N, C-alpha and C. Protein backbone atom coordinates (compact mmCIF):
# COMPACT_ATOMS: atom_id res chain seq x y z
N UNK A 1 122.69 81.42 162.50
CA UNK A 1 123.09 81.60 161.57
C UNK A 1 124.76 81.26 162.85
N UNK A 2 125.83 80.12 162.62
CA UNK A 2 127.20 80.36 163.05
C UNK A 2 127.92 80.62 162.53
N UNK A 3 128.78 80.99 163.71
CA UNK A 3 129.99 81.96 163.15
C UNK A 3 130.94 80.68 163.89
N UNK A 4 132.21 80.54 163.02
CA UNK A 4 133.40 79.88 164.14
C UNK A 4 132.49 78.12 165.27
N UNK A 5 131.31 78.33 164.37
CA UNK A 5 130.61 76.61 165.23
C UNK A 5 130.02 77.42 166.48
N UNK A 6 129.29 78.73 166.79
CA UNK A 6 129.10 79.52 167.34
C UNK A 6 127.85 80.13 166.63
N UNK A 7 126.19 79.80 167.73
CA UNK A 7 125.65 80.69 166.93
C UNK A 7 125.62 82.77 167.24
N UNK A 8 125.19 83.28 166.35
CA UNK A 8 125.01 85.05 166.47
C UNK A 8 124.19 85.01 166.07
N UNK A 9 123.40 86.14 167.25
CA UNK A 9 122.05 86.49 166.70
C UNK A 9 122.36 87.71 166.24
N UNK A 10 121.12 88.89 165.78
CA UNK A 10 121.19 89.47 165.26
C UNK A 10 120.58 90.95 165.97
N UNK A 11 119.91 89.99 167.16
CA UNK A 11 119.33 91.17 167.81
C UNK A 11 120.49 91.90 169.15
N UNK A 12 120.63 92.54 168.90
CA UNK A 12 120.98 93.63 169.96
C UNK A 12 121.29 93.04 171.85
N UNK A 13 122.26 93.11 172.21
CA UNK A 13 122.61 92.16 173.46
C UNK A 13 121.85 90.77 173.91
N UNK A 14 121.97 90.46 172.11
CA UNK A 14 122.17 88.57 172.73
C UNK A 14 122.74 87.94 172.53
N UNK A 15 123.16 86.42 172.61
CA UNK A 15 124.28 86.22 172.22
C UNK A 15 125.54 85.75 173.22
N UNK A 16 125.84 86.10 174.68
CA UNK A 16 125.98 85.98 175.64
C UNK A 16 126.34 85.16 176.04
N UNK A 17 124.50 84.35 176.53
CA UNK A 17 125.28 82.86 177.27
C UNK A 17 125.89 81.53 175.89
N UNK A 18 125.82 81.70 174.74
CA UNK A 18 126.15 80.74 174.10
C UNK A 18 127.89 81.31 174.00
N UNK A 19 127.81 82.27 173.89
CA UNK A 19 129.83 82.04 174.55
C UNK A 19 130.50 81.77 175.44
N UNK A 20 128.94 82.61 177.00
CA UNK A 20 129.92 82.10 178.32
C UNK A 20 129.99 80.27 178.16
N UNK A 21 129.28 79.57 177.45
CA UNK A 21 128.89 78.20 177.18
C UNK A 21 130.11 77.33 176.99
N UNK A 22 130.91 78.24 175.58
CA UNK A 22 131.82 77.98 174.78
C UNK A 22 133.19 77.66 175.37
N UNK A 23 133.35 79.25 176.67
CA UNK A 23 134.18 79.33 176.84
C UNK A 23 134.66 78.03 178.20
N UNK A 24 133.50 78.17 179.35
CA UNK A 24 133.61 77.20 180.17
C UNK A 24 133.50 75.14 179.50
N UNK A 25 133.12 75.37 178.53
CA UNK A 25 133.90 74.20 177.95
C UNK A 25 135.00 74.16 177.27
N UNK A 26 135.69 75.14 176.97
CA UNK A 26 137.73 75.59 176.94
C UNK A 26 137.87 75.08 177.79
N UNK A 27 137.06 75.97 178.60
CA UNK A 27 138.58 76.05 179.95
C UNK A 27 138.42 74.65 180.78
N UNK A 28 137.62 73.62 180.12
CA UNK A 28 137.79 72.02 181.81
C UNK A 28 137.61 71.15 180.47
N UNK A 29 138.49 71.73 179.04
CA UNK A 29 138.72 70.62 178.41
C UNK A 29 137.61 69.72 178.07
N UNK A 30 136.68 70.73 177.71
CA UNK A 30 134.74 69.85 177.05
C UNK A 30 134.84 69.93 175.79
N UNK A 31 133.98 69.57 175.52
CA UNK A 31 132.96 69.69 173.94
C UNK A 31 131.56 70.41 173.78
N UNK A 32 131.49 70.88 172.92
CA UNK A 32 130.68 71.50 172.64
C UNK A 32 130.18 71.47 171.84
N UNK A 33 128.50 72.04 171.45
CA UNK A 33 128.25 71.90 169.92
C UNK A 33 126.61 72.80 169.93
N UNK A 34 125.90 73.58 168.98
CA UNK A 34 125.33 74.06 168.86
C UNK A 34 125.16 74.01 167.73
N UNK A 35 123.39 73.29 167.48
CA UNK A 35 122.47 72.96 165.99
C UNK A 35 121.16 73.84 166.13
N UNK A 36 121.15 74.53 165.04
CA UNK A 36 119.42 74.84 164.77
C UNK A 36 118.80 74.22 163.13
N UNK A 37 118.13 73.97 163.35
CA UNK A 37 117.30 73.74 161.89
C UNK A 37 115.96 73.33 162.63
N UNK A 38 114.73 73.86 161.58
CA UNK A 38 114.10 74.08 161.40
C UNK A 38 113.10 74.90 162.95
N UNK A 39 113.50 75.82 163.03
CA UNK A 39 113.89 76.24 164.57
C UNK A 39 113.67 75.53 165.46
N UNK A 40 114.64 74.78 166.07
CA UNK A 40 114.33 74.05 166.86
C UNK A 40 116.45 74.14 167.18
N UNK A 41 116.38 74.88 168.68
CA UNK A 41 117.97 74.83 168.50
C UNK A 41 118.27 74.36 169.88
N UNK A 42 119.49 73.46 169.88
CA UNK A 42 120.18 72.64 170.61
C UNK A 42 121.39 72.79 170.68
N UNK A 43 121.70 73.20 172.44
CA UNK A 43 122.84 73.01 172.81
C UNK A 43 123.91 71.43 173.32
N UNK A 44 124.69 70.75 172.79
CA UNK A 44 125.44 69.77 173.73
C UNK A 44 126.68 70.01 174.16
N UNK A 45 127.10 69.72 175.50
CA UNK A 45 127.71 70.31 176.17
C UNK A 45 128.57 68.93 176.88
N UNK A 46 129.34 68.27 176.98
CA UNK A 46 130.07 66.84 177.92
C UNK A 46 131.24 67.83 178.62
N UNK A 47 131.42 68.09 179.60
CA UNK A 47 132.46 68.51 180.86
C UNK A 47 133.68 66.84 181.07
């Protein structure tokens, strides 16, 4: 499930990595995207 373009885990203590990726990309004026389809998770980052 994506909330504000960031994947949200239903498991406790999971999902911190994606939040960190988003924060770093924003800090350095980069872009990021997360997608999940057919049990395949993709992250794209441009800094």
